Amino acid sequence: MAFIKHGIRKGRWGDRHVGAKRARLIVMAVILLSVSLGITLMVFFGAPSMMVALVVSMLVTLAILAAITFVWKISVHQAVSAGACAMLVQTYGPWMAFLFFLVAVVGWSRIELQDHTRNQVIAGTILGTVVAAAVFSLAK
């Protein structure tokens, strides 16, 4: 967030959502590097394996989102919220699936704000759910 806020103050992007493709890719690259460093530190200092798996899942999801962003604007908000819900379901059981209601609310807001199309929201939801769940189950 500090990097994003610095970019806003310098006029590099207009808001915290960083909608412009080039700026979005720069922010994603910085996030990927930051999260990679975080994972390295977590492993070095002996963080619980489930916590490392969670962060690795989010890193892989973000890497795929960054690759897609080169050609299409997919909803990162949806991918992150859906991926988080999928991992909560895997960790705490099916009753956590009720949280996907909040994912739907996030998706509605992205469309209502005209930051994404319906297809971008649906794609982000599916990608986040599938990738985060798969990586999390393999990494934990």
N, C-alpha and C. Protein backbone atom coordinates (compact mmCIF):
# COMPACT_ATOMS: atom_id res chain seq x y z
N MET A 1 0.82 -1.19 0.00
CA MET A 1 0.00 0.00 0.00
C MET A 1 0.87 1.26 0.00
N ALA A 2 2.01 1.19 0.69
CA ALA A 2 2.90 2.35 0.72
C ALA A 2 3.37 2.69 -0.70
N PHE A 3 3.68 1.66 -1.49
CA PHE A 3 4.11 1.88 -2.87
C PHE A 3 2.99 2.51 -3.69
N ILE A 4 1.78 2.02 -3.51
CA ILE A 4 0.64 2.56 -4.25
C ILE A 4 0.39 4.01 -3.85
N LYS A 5 0.40 4.28 -2.55
CA LYS A 5 0.17 5.65 -2.09
C LYS A 5 1.27 6.60 -2.58
N HIS A 6 2.51 6.12 -2.61
CA HIS A 6 3.61 6.93 -3.13
C HIS A 6 3.36 7.26 -4.61
N GLY A 7 2.91 6.28 -5.38
CA GLY A 7 2.60 6.49 -6.79
C GLY A 7 1.47 7.49 -7.00
N ILE A 8 0.49 7.46 -6.11
CA ILE A 8 -0.62 8.43 -6.20
C ILE A 8 -0.09 9.84 -5.93
N ARG A 9 0.73 9.97 -4.87
CA ARG A 9 1.28 11.30 -4.54
C ARG A 9 2.15 11.85 -5.66
N LYS A 10 2.88 10.96 -6.33
CA LYS A 10 3.76 11.40 -7.43
C LYS A 10 3.00 11.56 -8.75
N GLY A 11 1.72 11.22 -8.76
CA GLY A 11 0.92 11.37 -9.97
C GLY A 11 1.10 10.26 -10.98
N ARG A 12 1.67 9.15 -10.56
CA ARG A 12 1.89 8.02 -11.48
C ARG A 12 0.61 7.27 -11.79
N TRP A 13 -0.33 7.25 -10.83
CA TRP A 13 -1.65 6.67 -11.04
C TRP A 13 -2.66 7.45 -10.23
N GLY A 14 -3.91 7.34 -10.64
CA GLY A 14 -4.94 8.21 -10.09
C GLY A 14 -5.50 7.81 -8.74
N ASP A 15 -5.59 6.52 -8.47
CA ASP A 15 -6.19 6.09 -7.22
C ASP A 15 -5.62 4.72 -6.81
N ARG A 16 -6.10 4.22 -5.67
CA ARG A 16 -5.55 2.98 -5.13
C ARG A 16 -5.94 1.75 -5.93
N HIS A 17 -6.87 1.89 -6.88
CA HIS A 17 -7.28 0.76 -7.70
C HIS A 17 -6.35 0.55 -8.90
N VAL A 18 -5.57 1.54 -9.24
CA VAL A 18 -4.57 1.48 -10.32
C VAL A 18 -5.16 0.79 -11.55
N GLY A 19 -6.04 1.49 -12.22
CA GLY A 19 -6.76 0.92 -13.34
C GLY A 19 -5.99 0.86 -14.65
N ALA A 20 -5.03 1.75 -14.86
CA ALA A 20 -4.28 1.77 -16.13
C ALA A 20 -3.37 0.54 -16.22
N LYS A 21 -3.37 -0.09 -17.38
CA LYS A 21 -2.66 -1.36 -17.58
C LYS A 21 -1.18 -1.29 -17.20
N ARG A 22 -0.46 -0.31 -17.72
CA ARG A 22 0.97 -0.22 -17.47
C ARG A 22 1.26 -0.03 -15.98
N ALA A 23 0.54 0.88 -15.36
CA ALA A 23 0.72 1.14 -13.94
C ALA A 23 0.35 -0.09 -13.12
N ARG A 24 -0.71 -0.75 -13.51
CA ARG A 24 -1.16 -1.95 -12.82
C ARG A 24 -0.07 -3.03 -12.85
N LEU A 25 0.58 -3.19 -13.98
CA LEU A 25 1.65 -4.19 -14.10
C LEU A 25 2.85 -3.83 -13.22
N ILE A 26 3.17 -2.55 -13.13
CA ILE A 26 4.27 -2.11 -12.26
C ILE A 26 3.94 -2.43 -10.81
N VAL A 27 2.73 -2.09 -10.39
CA VAL A 27 2.31 -2.37 -9.01
C VAL A 27 2.32 -3.87 -8.74
N MET A 28 1.83 -4.66 -9.69
CA MET A 28 1.82 -6.12 -9.52
C MET A 28 3.24 -6.67 -9.39
N ALA A 29 4.17 -6.14 -10.17
CA ALA A 29 5.56 -6.61 -10.07
C ALA A 29 6.13 -6.31 -8.69
N VAL A 30 5.87 -5.13 -8.17
CA VAL A 30 6.36 -4.77 -6.84
C VAL A 30 5.72 -5.68 -5.77
N ILE A 31 4.43 -5.94 -5.92
CA ILE A 31 3.75 -6.82 -4.97
C ILE A 31 4.33 -8.23 -5.05
N LEU A 32 4.58 -8.72 -6.26
CA LEU A 32 5.16 -10.06 -6.41
C LEU A 32 6.52 -10.15 -5.73
N LEU A 33 7.34 -9.13 -5.91
CA LEU A 33 8.66 -9.12 -5.25
C LEU A 33 8.51 -9.04 -3.73
N SER A 34 7.62 -8.22 -3.26
CA SER A 34 7.41 -8.05 -1.83
C SER A 34 6.91 -9.35 -1.19
N VAL A 35 5.94 -9.97 -1.82
CA VAL A 35 5.39 -11.22 -1.28
C VAL A 35 6.44 -12.34 -1.34
N SER A 36 7.23 -12.37 -2.39
CA SER A 36 8.31 -13.37 -2.48
C SER A 36 9.31 -13.20 -1.35
N LEU A 37 9.67 -11.97 -1.06
CA LEU A 37 10.55 -11.70 0.07
C LEU A 37 9.90 -12.14 1.37
N GLY A 38 8.62 -11.85 1.51
CA GLY A 38 7.89 -12.27 2.70
C GLY A 38 7.89 -13.77 2.89
N ILE A 39 7.68 -14.51 1.81
CA ILE A 39 7.69 -15.97 1.89
C ILE A 39 9.07 -16.47 2.30
N THR A 40 10.11 -15.88 1.72
CA THR A 40 11.48 -16.26 2.08
C THR A 40 11.72 -16.04 3.57
N LEU A 41 11.30 -14.91 4.08
CA LEU A 41 11.47 -14.63 5.51
C LEU A 41 10.63 -15.57 6.37
N MET A 42 9.43 -15.89 5.92
CA MET A 42 8.58 -16.81 6.67
C MET A 42 9.24 -18.18 6.78
N VAL A 43 9.77 -18.66 5.69
CA VAL A 43 10.43 -19.98 5.71
C VAL A 43 11.69 -19.91 6.58
N PHE A 44 12.47 -18.87 6.40
CA PHE A 44 13.72 -18.72 7.16
C PHE A 44 13.46 -18.71 8.67
N PHE A 45 12.39 -18.02 9.07
CA PHE A 45 12.11 -17.90 10.50
C PHE A 45 11.15 -18.97 11.02
N GLY A 46 10.82 -19.96 10.19
CA GLY A 46 10.04 -21.10 10.64
C GLY A 46 8.55 -20.85 10.84
N ALA A 47 7.95 -20.07 9.98
CA ALA A 47 6.50 -19.82 10.07
C ALA A 47 5.74 -21.13 9.90
N PRO A 48 4.55 -21.23 10.45
CA PRO A 48 3.74 -22.45 10.28
C PRO A 48 3.50 -22.74 8.79
N SER A 49 3.55 -24.01 8.44
CA SER A 49 3.44 -24.40 7.03
C SER A 49 2.11 -23.94 6.40
N MET A 50 1.04 -23.94 7.18
CA MET A 50 -0.23 -23.52 6.63
C MET A 50 -0.21 -22.02 6.28
N MET A 51 0.48 -21.23 7.06
CA MET A 51 0.60 -19.80 6.77
C MET A 51 1.43 -19.59 5.51
N VAL A 52 2.51 -20.33 5.38
CA VAL A 52 3.34 -20.24 4.17
C VAL A 52 2.51 -20.67 2.95
N ALA A 53 1.74 -21.74 3.09
CA ALA A 53 0.90 -22.22 1.99
C ALA A 53 -0.10 -21.16 1.55
N LEU A 54 -0.69 -20.46 2.52
CA LEU A 54 -1.64 -19.41 2.21
C LEU A 54 -0.99 -18.31 1.37
N VAL A 55 0.18 -17.87 1.79
CA VAL A 55 0.85 -16.77 1.08
C VAL A 55 1.37 -17.24 -0.28
N VAL A 56 1.85 -18.48 -0.36
CA VAL A 56 2.28 -19.03 -1.65
C VAL A 56 1.09 -19.09 -2.61
N SER A 57 -0.07 -19.50 -2.11
CA SER A 57 -1.28 -19.55 -2.95
C SER A 57 -1.63 -18.19 -3.51
N MET A 58 -1.54 -17.18 -2.66
CA MET A 58 -1.85 -15.84 -3.13
C MET A 58 -0.79 -15.34 -4.12
N LEU A 59 0.47 -15.71 -3.91
CA LEU A 59 1.53 -15.32 -4.84
C LEU A 59 1.31 -15.93 -6.22
N VAL A 60 0.99 -17.22 -6.25
CA VAL A 60 0.76 -17.89 -7.54
C VAL A 60 -0.46 -17.27 -8.23
N THR A 61 -1.50 -17.00 -7.47
CA THR A 61 -2.69 -16.37 -8.04
C THR A 61 -2.33 -15.01 -8.64
N LEU A 62 -1.59 -14.21 -7.91
CA LEU A 62 -1.21 -12.89 -8.40
C LEU A 62 -0.32 -12.99 -9.64
N ALA A 63 0.58 -13.95 -9.68
CA ALA A 63 1.45 -14.13 -10.85
C ALA A 63 0.61 -14.43 -12.10
N ILE A 64 -0.40 -15.28 -11.94
CA ILE A 64 -1.27 -15.60 -13.08
C ILE A 64 -2.09 -14.37 -13.47
N LEU A 65 -2.59 -13.64 -12.48
CA LEU A 65 -3.34 -12.41 -12.77
C LEU A 65 -2.47 -11.41 -13.53
N ALA A 66 -1.21 -11.29 -13.12
CA ALA A 66 -0.29 -10.36 -13.80
C ALA A 66 -0.11 -10.77 -15.26
N ALA A 67 0.05 -12.07 -15.50
CA ALA A 67 0.21 -12.55 -16.88
C ALA A 67 -1.03 -12.24 -17.71
N ILE A 68 -2.20 -12.45 -17.14
CA ILE A 68 -3.45 -12.16 -17.85
C ILE A 68 -3.60 -10.67 -18.11
N THR A 69 -3.14 -9.85 -17.17
CA THR A 69 -3.27 -8.39 -17.29
C THR A 69 -2.53 -7.85 -18.51
N PHE A 70 -1.55 -8.57 -19.01
CA PHE A 70 -0.87 -8.13 -20.23
C PHE A 70 -1.84 -8.03 -21.41
N VAL A 71 -2.88 -8.88 -21.39
CA VAL A 71 -3.80 -8.91 -22.53
C VAL A 71 -5.24 -8.54 -22.18
N TRP A 72 -5.59 -8.58 -20.89
CA TRP A 72 -6.98 -8.37 -20.51
C TRP A 72 -7.06 -7.92 -19.07
N LYS A 73 -8.02 -7.08 -18.73
CA LYS A 73 -8.17 -6.58 -17.37
C LYS A 73 -9.11 -7.51 -16.58
N ILE A 74 -8.52 -8.42 -15.83
CA ILE A 74 -9.28 -9.33 -14.97
C ILE A 74 -9.39 -8.72 -13.58
N SER A 75 -10.41 -9.07 -12.83
CA SER A 75 -10.62 -8.47 -11.52
C SER A 75 -9.75 -9.11 -10.44
N VAL A 76 -8.76 -8.36 -9.99
CA VAL A 76 -7.88 -8.82 -8.91
C VAL A 76 -8.67 -8.88 -7.61
N HIS A 77 -9.55 -7.91 -7.38
CA HIS A 77 -10.37 -7.92 -6.16
C HIS A 77 -11.14 -9.24 -6.05
N GLN A 78 -11.72 -9.66 -7.14
CA GLN A 78 -12.50 -10.90 -7.13
C GLN A 78 -11.61 -12.12 -6.90
N ALA A 79 -10.49 -12.15 -7.57
CA ALA A 79 -9.60 -13.31 -7.43
C ALA A 79 -9.10 -13.45 -5.99
N VAL A 80 -8.74 -12.34 -5.39
CA VAL A 80 -8.21 -12.38 -4.02
C VAL A 80 -9.31 -12.76 -3.03
N SER A 81 -10.48 -12.15 -3.16
CA SER A 81 -11.55 -12.46 -2.20
C SER A 81 -12.05 -13.90 -2.37
N ALA A 82 -12.20 -14.35 -3.60
CA ALA A 82 -12.65 -15.72 -3.85
C ALA A 82 -11.59 -16.75 -3.41
N GLY A 83 -10.32 -16.44 -3.67
CA GLY A 83 -9.25 -17.34 -3.25
C GLY A 83 -9.17 -17.46 -1.74
N ALA A 84 -9.33 -16.33 -1.06
CA ALA A 84 -9.33 -16.35 0.41
C ALA A 84 -10.47 -17.22 0.94
N CYS A 85 -11.66 -17.08 0.35
CA CYS A 85 -12.80 -17.89 0.77
C CYS A 85 -12.55 -19.37 0.52
N ALA A 86 -11.99 -19.68 -0.63
CA ALA A 86 -11.71 -21.09 -0.95
C ALA A 86 -10.76 -21.71 0.08
N MET A 87 -9.74 -20.96 0.48
CA MET A 87 -8.79 -21.47 1.47
C MET A 87 -9.44 -21.60 2.85
N LEU A 88 -10.35 -20.69 3.18
CA LEU A 88 -11.07 -20.80 4.45
C LEU A 88 -11.96 -22.04 4.47
N VAL A 89 -12.60 -22.35 3.34
CA VAL A 89 -13.42 -23.56 3.24
C VAL A 89 -12.54 -24.79 3.44
N GLN A 90 -11.37 -24.81 2.80
CA GLN A 90 -10.47 -25.96 2.95
C GLN A 90 -9.96 -26.10 4.38
N THR A 91 -9.76 -25.00 5.05
CA THR A 91 -9.19 -25.03 6.40
C THR A 91 -10.24 -25.31 7.46
N TYR A 92 -11.40 -24.67 7.37
CA TYR A 92 -12.40 -24.73 8.45
C TYR A 92 -13.68 -25.49 8.10
N GLY A 93 -13.78 -25.95 6.85
CA GLY A 93 -14.93 -26.76 6.48
C GLY A 93 -15.95 -26.02 5.62
N PRO A 94 -16.92 -26.78 5.11
CA PRO A 94 -17.87 -26.24 4.15
C PRO A 94 -18.77 -25.13 4.68
N TRP A 95 -18.94 -25.03 5.98
CA TRP A 95 -19.79 -23.97 6.51
C TRP A 95 -19.22 -22.59 6.20
N MET A 96 -17.92 -22.51 5.90
CA MET A 96 -17.31 -21.22 5.55
C MET A 96 -17.70 -20.75 4.15
N ALA A 97 -18.34 -21.62 3.38
CA ALA A 97 -18.76 -21.25 2.02
C ALA A 97 -19.74 -20.07 2.02
N PHE A 98 -20.39 -19.81 3.16
CA PHE A 98 -21.29 -18.66 3.22
C PHE A 98 -20.55 -17.36 2.91
N LEU A 99 -19.24 -17.35 3.09
CA LEU A 99 -18.45 -16.14 2.82
C LEU A 99 -18.44 -15.77 1.33
N PHE A 100 -18.76 -16.73 0.48
CA PHE A 100 -18.82 -16.41 -0.95
C PHE A 100 -19.91 -15.37 -1.25
N PHE A 101 -20.85 -15.20 -0.32
CA PHE A 101 -21.82 -14.11 -0.45
C PHE A 101 -21.08 -12.77 -0.50
N LEU A 102 -20.05 -12.64 0.33
CA LEU A 102 -19.26 -11.40 0.33
C LEU A 102 -18.49 -11.23 -0.98
N VAL A 103 -18.05 -12.34 -1.55
CA VAL A 103 -17.38 -12.29 -2.86
C VAL A 103 -18.35 -11.74 -3.90
N ALA A 104 -19.59 -12.18 -3.83
CA ALA A 104 -20.61 -11.67 -4.77
C ALA A 104 -20.83 -10.17 -4.58
N VAL A 105 -20.81 -9.71 -3.34
CA VAL A 105 -20.98 -8.28 -3.06
C VAL A 105 -19.81 -7.49 -3.64
N VAL A 106 -18.59 -8.02 -3.46
CA VAL A 106 -17.41 -7.36 -4.04
C VAL A 106 -17.55 -7.29 -5.56
N GLY A 107 -17.97 -8.40 -6.17
CA GLY A 107 -18.15 -8.42 -7.62
C GLY A 107 -19.18 -7.42 -8.10
N TRP A 108 -20.30 -7.36 -7.38
CA TRP A 108 -21.33 -6.38 -7.72
C TRP A 108 -20.75 -4.96 -7.67
N SER A 109 -19.96 -4.68 -6.62
CA SER A 109 -19.41 -3.32 -6.48
C SER A 109 -18.44 -2.99 -7.61
N ARG A 110 -17.65 -3.97 -8.04
CA ARG A 110 -16.69 -3.72 -9.13
C ARG A 110 -17.42 -3.37 -10.43
N ILE A 111 -18.54 -4.05 -10.65
CA ILE A 111 -19.35 -3.77 -11.85
C ILE A 111 -20.07 -2.43 -11.69
N GLU A 112 -20.67 -2.20 -10.52
CA GLU A 112 -21.41 -0.97 -10.26
C GLU A 112 -20.50 0.26 -10.38
N LEU A 113 -19.26 0.14 -9.91
CA LEU A 113 -18.30 1.24 -10.00
C LEU A 113 -17.74 1.41 -11.43
N GLN A 114 -18.10 0.49 -12.30
CA GLN A 114 -17.64 0.45 -13.68
C GLN A 114 -16.13 0.29 -13.79
N ASP A 115 -15.55 -0.40 -12.81
CA ASP A 115 -14.12 -0.73 -12.88
C ASP A 115 -13.90 -2.03 -13.65
N HIS A 116 -14.94 -2.86 -13.73
CA HIS A 116 -14.83 -4.14 -14.44
C HIS A 116 -16.15 -4.49 -15.11
N THR A 117 -16.05 -5.33 -16.13
CA THR A 117 -17.24 -5.88 -16.77
C THR A 117 -17.66 -7.13 -16.00
N ARG A 118 -18.83 -7.60 -16.30
CA ARG A 118 -19.32 -8.84 -15.67
C ARG A 118 -18.37 -10.01 -15.96
N ASN A 119 -17.88 -10.11 -17.19
CA ASN A 119 -16.98 -11.21 -17.54
C ASN A 119 -15.64 -11.12 -16.80
N GLN A 120 -15.14 -9.92 -16.58
CA GLN A 120 -13.89 -9.76 -15.83
C GLN A 120 -14.08 -10.18 -14.37
N VAL A 121 -15.24 -9.89 -13.82
CA VAL A 121 -15.54 -10.28 -12.44
C VAL A 121 -15.71 -11.79 -12.34
N ILE A 122 -16.45 -12.38 -13.28
CA ILE A 122 -16.65 -13.84 -13.26
C ILE A 122 -15.31 -14.55 -13.43
N ALA A 123 -14.49 -14.09 -14.36
CA ALA A 123 -13.19 -14.71 -14.58
C ALA A 123 -12.30 -14.61 -13.34
N GLY A 124 -12.29 -13.45 -12.69
CA GLY A 124 -11.50 -13.28 -11.48
C GLY A 124 -11.96 -14.20 -10.38
N THR A 125 -13.27 -14.36 -10.25
CA THR A 125 -13.84 -15.24 -9.23
C THR A 125 -13.42 -16.69 -9.47
N ILE A 126 -13.57 -17.14 -10.69
CA ILE A 126 -13.22 -18.53 -11.02
C ILE A 126 -11.73 -18.76 -10.85
N LEU A 127 -10.91 -17.86 -11.39
CA LEU A 127 -9.46 -18.02 -11.30
C LEU A 127 -9.01 -18.04 -9.84
N GLY A 128 -9.47 -17.09 -9.06
CA GLY A 128 -9.07 -17.02 -7.66
C GLY A 128 -9.45 -18.26 -6.88
N THR A 129 -10.67 -18.73 -7.09
CA THR A 129 -11.15 -19.91 -6.38
C THR A 129 -10.33 -21.14 -6.75
N VAL A 130 -10.17 -21.39 -8.04
CA VAL A 130 -9.51 -22.60 -8.51
C VAL A 130 -8.02 -22.61 -8.19
N VAL A 131 -7.34 -21.52 -8.53
CA VAL A 131 -5.88 -21.49 -8.34
C VAL A 131 -5.52 -21.50 -6.86
N ALA A 132 -6.13 -20.64 -6.07
CA ALA A 132 -5.80 -20.59 -4.64
C ALA A 132 -6.10 -21.92 -3.96
N ALA A 133 -7.26 -22.51 -4.27
CA ALA A 133 -7.62 -23.79 -3.66
C ALA A 133 -6.63 -24.89 -4.05
N ALA A 134 -6.26 -24.94 -5.33
CA ALA A 134 -5.35 -25.99 -5.79
C ALA A 134 -3.96 -25.83 -5.17
N VAL A 135 -3.42 -24.63 -5.23
CA VAL A 135 -2.08 -24.41 -4.69
C VAL A 135 -2.07 -24.61 -3.18
N PHE A 136 -3.08 -24.11 -2.49
CA PHE A 136 -3.16 -24.26 -1.04
C PHE A 136 -3.20 -25.73 -0.64
N SER A 137 -3.99 -26.52 -1.36
CA SER A 137 -4.08 -27.95 -1.00
C SER A 137 -2.77 -28.68 -1.26
N LEU A 138 -2.03 -28.26 -2.25
CA LEU A 138 -0.74 -28.88 -2.55
C LEU A 138 0.37 -28.41 -1.62
N ALA A 139 0.29 -27.16 -1.19
CA ALA A 139 1.39 -26.56 -0.43
C ALA A 139 1.30 -26.78 1.07
N LYS A 140 0.11 -27.10 1.58
CA LYS A 140 0.00 -27.21 3.05
C LYS A 140 0.43 -28.55 3.59
